Amino acid sequence: MGFLEIFTQIPVAAYILFAAGVILAIIELCIPGFGVCGAASVLCFIAAIAVGARTFATGMVLTVSVLVVAAVLLIIFSVFASRGKFIKPLVLKDELGTQEGFSSSRDFDFLLGKQGLSQSILRPAGRAKINEQIYDVVTTGEFIAPDTPVEVVEVSGSRIVVRQITA
């Protein structure tokens, strides 16, 4: 039995399943997802082998064909991925900074120099009431007892640094 005779014995349904498997594998490689297309591709390849394997020879030809196509697709994907062809659509290039009006934390600069009372033990972190609001604060390292007058000496993002006011 010649090599071409083996291909003529394979039913059309096996070719259709094989083509569907190739298309689904390409879709899986190009579009990020949950692997649904990849799993469907594997199922199509297995179904193509099962439908087309009327004899041992046709089963082996289909199995080798599936493995070769999978290897070629993997090599093509690796080459394109190494050149950054698939990664670019997955990475956000835009930046959202303070110039665009975006801030990841509240701006507490208005508290600089304000005075208040510690609400909990500050060792060195705790809570303080400043301008009738309670804030999470830290000290510069010292322990401060509750109900002690404190002053905001530094603000960095959402980090509010206080020190004890000495009389």
C-alpha atoms as a PDB file:
ATOM      1  CA  MET A   1       0.000   0.000   0.000  1.00  0.00           C
ATOM      2  CA  GLY A   2       1.488   3.310  -1.086  1.00  0.00           C
ATOM      3  CA  PHE A   3       1.693   6.496   0.905  1.00  0.00           C
ATOM      4  CA  LEU A   4      -0.917   8.273  -1.243  1.00  0.00           C
ATOM      5  CA  GLU A   5      -3.294   5.317  -0.962  1.00  0.00           C
ATOM      6  CA  ILE A   6      -3.288   5.760   2.814  1.00  0.00           C
ATOM      7  CA  PHE A   7      -4.482   9.364   2.420  1.00  0.00           C
ATOM      8  CA  THR A   8      -7.268   8.287   0.065  1.00  0.00           C
ATOM      9  CA  GLN A   9      -8.572   5.842   2.672  1.00  0.00           C
ATOM     10  CA  ILE A  10      -9.015   8.586   5.273  1.00  0.00           C
ATOM     11  CA  PRO A  11     -12.637   9.796   5.403  1.00  0.00           C
ATOM     12  CA  VAL A  12     -13.534  13.428   4.700  1.00  0.00           C
ATOM     13  CA  ALA A  13     -14.809  13.847   8.289  1.00  0.00           C
ATOM     14  CA  ALA A  14     -11.277  13.177   9.575  1.00  0.00           C
ATOM     15  CA  TYR A  15      -9.889  15.926   7.318  1.00  0.00           C
ATOM     16  CA  ILE A  16     -12.568  18.341   8.529  1.00  0.00           C
ATOM     17  CA  LEU A  17     -11.845  17.537  12.185  1.00  0.00           C
ATOM     18  CA  PHE A  18      -8.117  17.883  11.523  1.00  0.00           C
ATOM     19  CA  ALA A  19      -8.619  21.306   9.885  1.00  0.00           C
ATOM     20  CA  ALA A  20     -10.879  22.400  12.752  1.00  0.00           C
ATOM     21  CA  GLY A  21      -8.164  21.324  15.201  1.00  0.00           C
ATOM     22  CA  VAL A  22      -5.546  23.384  13.357  1.00  0.00           C
ATOM     23  CA  ILE A  23      -7.809  26.457  13.261  1.00  0.00           C
ATOM     24  CA  LEU A  24      -8.662  26.145  16.967  1.00  0.00           C
ATOM     25  CA  ALA A  25      -4.957  25.729  17.826  1.00  0.00           C
ATOM     26  CA  ILE A  26      -4.101  28.895  15.894  1.00  0.00           C
ATOM     27  CA  ILE A  27      -6.912  30.778  17.652  1.00  0.00           C
ATOM     28  CA  GLU A  28      -5.640  29.565  21.038  1.00  0.00           C
ATOM     29  CA  LEU A  29      -2.106  30.748  20.240  1.00  0.00           C
ATOM     30  CA  CYS A  30      -3.207  34.198  19.031  1.00  0.00           C
ATOM     31  CA  ILE A  31      -5.969  35.124  21.447  1.00  0.00           C
ATOM     32  CA  PRO A  32      -5.453  34.987  25.202  1.00  0.00           C
ATOM     33  CA  GLY A  33      -8.113  32.965  26.923  1.00  0.00           C
ATOM     34  CA  PHE A  34      -8.827  30.157  29.309  1.00  0.00           C
ATOM     35  CA  GLY A  35      -7.661  27.331  27.043  1.00  0.00           C
ATOM     36  CA  VAL A  36     -11.095  26.458  25.693  1.00  0.00           C
ATOM     37  CA  CYS A  37      -9.931  26.644  22.075  1.00  0.00           C
ATOM     38  CA  GLY A  38      -6.800  24.665  22.917  1.00  0.00           C
ATOM     39  CA  ALA A  39      -8.788  21.915  24.617  1.00  0.00           C
ATOM     40  CA  ALA A  40     -11.240  21.850  21.713  1.00  0.00           C
ATOM     41  CA  SER A  41      -8.284  21.646  19.326  1.00  0.00           C
ATOM     42  CA  VAL A  42      -6.890  18.596  21.128  1.00  0.00           C
ATOM     43  CA  LEU A  43     -10.336  16.981  21.079  1.00  0.00           C
ATOM     44  CA  CYS A  44     -10.641  17.654  17.336  1.00  0.00           C
ATOM     45  CA  PHE A  45      -7.240  16.074  16.711  1.00  0.00           C
ATOM     46  CA  ILE A  46      -8.155  13.004  18.778  1.00  0.00           C
ATOM     47  CA  ALA A  47     -11.516  12.722  17.000  1.00  0.00           C
ATOM     48  CA  ALA A  48      -9.784  13.026  13.610  1.00  0.00           C
ATOM     49  CA  ILE A  49      -7.475  10.172  14.527  1.00  0.00           C
ATOM     50  CA  ALA A  50     -10.372   8.083  15.855  1.00  0.00           C
ATOM     51  CA  VAL A  51     -12.547   8.693  12.769  1.00  0.00           C
ATOM     52  CA  GLY A  52      -9.740   8.276  10.258  1.00  0.00           C
ATOM     53  CA  ALA A  53      -7.946   5.300  11.778  1.00  0.00           C
ATOM     54  CA  ARG A  54      -9.630   2.512   9.853  1.00  0.00           C
ATOM     55  CA  THR A  55      -6.361   0.625   9.655  1.00  0.00           C
ATOM     56  CA  PHE A  56      -3.179   0.768  11.675  1.00  0.00           C
ATOM     57  CA  ALA A  57      -1.381   2.572   8.849  1.00  0.00           C
ATOM     58  CA  THR A  58      -3.962   5.357   8.547  1.00  0.00           C
ATOM     59  CA  GLY A  59      -4.009   5.766  12.327  1.00  0.00           C
ATOM     60  CA  MET A  60      -0.241   6.156  12.411  1.00  0.00           C
ATOM     61  CA  VAL A  61      -0.251   8.619   9.490  1.00  0.00           C
ATOM     62  CA  LEU A  62      -2.898  10.737  11.204  1.00  0.00           C
ATOM     63  CA  THR A  63      -1.102  10.604  14.558  1.00  0.00           C
ATOM     64  CA  VAL A  64       2.214  11.628  12.998  1.00  0.00           C
ATOM     65  CA  SER A  65       0.424  14.376  11.032  1.00  0.00           C
ATOM     66  CA  VAL A  66      -1.126  15.748  14.231  1.00  0.00           C
ATOM     67  CA  LEU A  67       2.229  15.724  16.020  1.00  0.00           C
ATOM     68  CA  VAL A  68       3.998  17.429  13.102  1.00  0.00           C
ATOM     69  CA  VAL A  69       1.336  20.136  12.837  1.00  0.00           C
ATOM     70  CA  ALA A  70       1.437  20.692  16.617  1.00  0.00           C
ATOM     71  CA  ALA A  71       5.237  20.966  16.532  1.00  0.00           C
ATOM     72  CA  VAL A  72       5.162  23.412  13.597  1.00  0.00           C
ATOM     73  CA  LEU A  73       2.532  25.571  15.323  1.00  0.00           C
ATOM     74  CA  LEU A  74       4.565  25.553  18.540  1.00  0.00           C
ATOM     75  CA  ILE A  75       7.727  26.594  16.684  1.00  0.00           C
ATOM     76  CA  ILE A  76       5.908  29.375  14.826  1.00  0.00           C
ATOM     77  CA  PHE A  77       4.368  30.611  18.082  1.00  0.00           C
ATOM     78  CA  SER A  78       7.751  30.527  19.838  1.00  0.00           C
ATOM     79  CA  VAL A  79       9.399  32.538  17.065  1.00  0.00           C
ATOM     80  CA  PHE A  80       6.655  35.184  17.035  1.00  0.00           C
ATOM     81  CA  ALA A  81       6.497  35.337  20.833  1.00  0.00           C
ATOM     82  CA  SER A  82      10.264  35.809  21.114  1.00  0.00           C
ATOM     83  CA  ARG A  83       9.974  38.778  18.765  1.00  0.00           C
ATOM     84  CA  GLY A  84       7.194  40.269  20.887  1.00  0.00           C
ATOM     85  CA  LYS A  85       4.430  39.815  18.318  1.00  0.00           C
ATOM     86  CA  PHE A  86       1.964  38.199  20.742  1.00  0.00           C
ATOM     87  CA  ILE A  87       2.966  40.065  23.884  1.00  0.00           C
ATOM     88  CA  LYS A  88       2.267  43.615  22.651  1.00  0.00           C
ATOM     89  CA  PRO A  89      -1.534  43.383  22.666  1.00  0.00           C
ATOM     90  CA  LEU A  90      -1.430  41.956  26.194  1.00  0.00           C
ATOM     91  CA  VAL A  91       0.532  44.816  27.771  1.00  0.00           C
ATOM     92  CA  LEU A  92      -1.057  48.146  28.649  1.00  0.00           C
ATOM     93  CA  LYS A  93       1.195  50.947  27.387  1.00  0.00           C
ATOM     94  CA  ASP A  94      -0.807  53.879  28.769  1.00  0.00           C
ATOM     95  CA  GLU A  95       0.220  55.374  32.072  1.00  0.00           C
ATOM     96  CA  LEU A  96      -2.145  56.910  34.562  1.00  0.00           C
ATOM     97  CA  GLY A  97      -0.303  59.470  36.651  1.00  0.00           C
ATOM     98  CA  THR A  98      -1.099  62.515  38.694  1.00  0.00           C
ATOM     99  CA  GLN A  99      -0.891  64.694  35.558  1.00  0.00           C
ATOM    100  CA  GLU A 100      -3.894  62.815  34.173  1.00  0.00           C
ATOM    101  CA  GLY A 101      -5.783  63.208  37.466  1.00  0.00           C
ATOM    102  CA  PHE A 102      -5.187  59.682  38.739  1.00  0.00           C
ATOM    103  CA  SER A 103      -3.963  58.997  42.252  1.00  0.00           C
ATOM    104  CA  SER A 104      -3.758  55.588  43.886  1.00  0.00           C
ATOM    105  CA  SER A 105      -4.139  57.088  47.359  1.00  0.00           C
ATOM    106  CA  ARG A 106      -5.690  60.120  48.962  1.00  0.00           C
ATOM    107  CA  ASP A 107      -3.568  63.240  49.251  1.00  0.00           C
ATOM    108  CA  PHE A 108      -3.078  64.126  52.914  1.00  0.00           C
ATOM    109  CA  ASP A 109      -0.778  67.121  52.348  1.00  0.00           C
ATOM    110  CA  PHE A 110      -3.391  69.402  53.940  1.00  0.00           C
ATOM    111  CA  LEU A 111      -2.637  67.764  57.314  1.00  0.00           C
ATOM    112  CA  LEU A 112       0.986  68.939  57.394  1.00  0.00           C
ATOM    113  CA  GLY A 113       1.526  71.027  60.529  1.00  0.00           C
ATOM    114  CA  LYS A 114      -1.917  70.204  62.000  1.00  0.00           C
ATOM    115  CA  GLN A 115      -2.293  69.067  65.587  1.00  0.00           C
ATOM    116  CA  GLY A 116      -4.473  66.402  67.145  1.00  0.00           C
ATOM    117  CA  LEU A 117      -4.686  63.689  69.795  1.00  0.00           C
ATOM    118  CA  SER A 118      -3.480  60.112  69.636  1.00  0.00           C
ATOM    119  CA  GLN A 119      -6.457  57.762  69.893  1.00  0.00           C
ATOM    120  CA  SER A 120      -4.469  54.582  70.481  1.00  0.00           C
ATOM    121  CA  ILE A 121      -0.986  53.682  71.581  1.00  0.00           C
ATOM    122  CA  LEU A 122       1.367  54.722  68.790  1.00  0.00           C
ATOM    123  CA  ARG A 123       4.132  52.134  68.795  1.00  0.00           C
ATOM    124  CA  PRO A 124       5.018  53.415  66.275  1.00  0.00           C
ATOM    125  CA  ALA A 125       1.793  52.964  64.280  1.00  0.00           C
ATOM    126  CA  GLY A 126      -1.706  53.668  65.474  1.00  0.00           C
ATOM    127  CA  ARG A 127      -4.559  56.142  65.136  1.00  0.00           C
ATOM    128  CA  ALA A 128      -4.819  59.834  65.802  1.00  0.00           C
ATOM    129  CA  LYS A 129      -7.719  62.292  65.671  1.00  0.00           C
ATOM    130  CA  ILE A 130      -6.791  65.339  63.593  1.00  0.00           C
ATOM    131  CA  ASN A 131      -9.375  67.970  62.542  1.00  0.00           C
ATOM    132  CA  GLU A 132     -12.199  65.813  63.965  1.00  0.00           C
ATOM    133  CA  GLN A 133     -11.174  62.902  61.686  1.00  0.00           C
ATOM    134  CA  ILE A 134      -9.401  59.712  62.703  1.00  0.00           C
ATOM    135  CA  TYR A 135      -6.351  58.802  60.602  1.00  0.00           C
ATOM    136  CA  ASP A 136      -3.869  55.938  60.586  1.00  0.00           C
ATOM    137  CA  VAL A 137      -0.539  57.486  61.557  1.00  0.00           C
ATOM    138  CA  VAL A 138       3.029  56.505  62.403  1.00  0.00           C
ATOM    139  CA  THR A 139       5.622  58.124  64.609  1.00  0.00           C
ATOM    140  CA  THR A 140       9.277  58.663  63.864  1.00  0.00           C
ATOM    141  CA  GLY A 141      10.052  55.697  66.118  1.00  0.00           C
ATOM    142  CA  GLU A 142       8.984  56.681  69.623  1.00  0.00           C
ATOM    143  CA  PHE A 143       6.027  55.296  71.548  1.00  0.00           C
ATOM    144  CA  ILE A 144       3.193  57.702  72.276  1.00  0.00           C
ATOM    145  CA  ALA A 145       0.450  57.007  74.824  1.00  0.00           C
ATOM    146  CA  PRO A 146      -3.253  57.498  74.025  1.00  0.00           C
ATOM    147  CA  ASP A 147      -4.753  61.016  74.385  1.00  0.00           C
ATOM    148  CA  THR A 148      -1.361  62.653  73.867  1.00  0.00           C
ATOM    149  CA  PRO A 149      -1.148  65.820  71.736  1.00  0.00           C
ATOM    150  CA  VAL A 150       0.584  65.133  68.417  1.00  0.00           C
ATOM    151  CA  GLU A 151       1.587  67.187  65.371  1.00  0.00           C
ATOM    152  CA  VAL A 152       1.848  66.057  61.745  1.00  0.00           C
ATOM    153  CA  VAL A 153       5.478  66.519  60.692  1.00  0.00           C
ATOM    154  CA  GLU A 154       5.562  64.623  57.396  1.00  0.00           C
ATOM    155  CA  VAL A 155       3.130  63.386  54.766  1.00  0.00           C
ATOM    156  CA  SER A 156       4.199  60.979  52.047  1.00  0.00           C
ATOM    157  CA  GLY A 157       1.276  59.658  49.990  1.00  0.00           C
ATOM    158  CA  SER A 158      -1.054  58.066  52.520  1.00  0.00           C
ATOM    159  CA  ARG A 159       1.668  57.821  55.187  1.00  0.00           C
ATOM    160  CA  ILE A 160       1.124  60.417  57.914  1.00  0.00           C
ATOM    161  CA  VAL A 161       4.033  60.882  60.323  1.00  0.00           C
ATOM    162  CA  VAL A 162       3.394  62.518  63.714  1.00  0.00           C
ATOM    163  CA  ARG A 163       5.482  63.479  66.720  1.00  0.00           C
ATOM    164  CA  GLN A 164       4.515  64.188  70.280  1.00  0.00           C
ATOM    165  CA  ILE A 165       4.017  67.856  71.181  1.00  0.00           C
ATOM    166  CA  THR A 166       6.060  68.698  74.246  1.00  0.00           C
ATOM    167  CA  ALA A 167       4.745  71.436  76.474  1.00  0.00           C
END
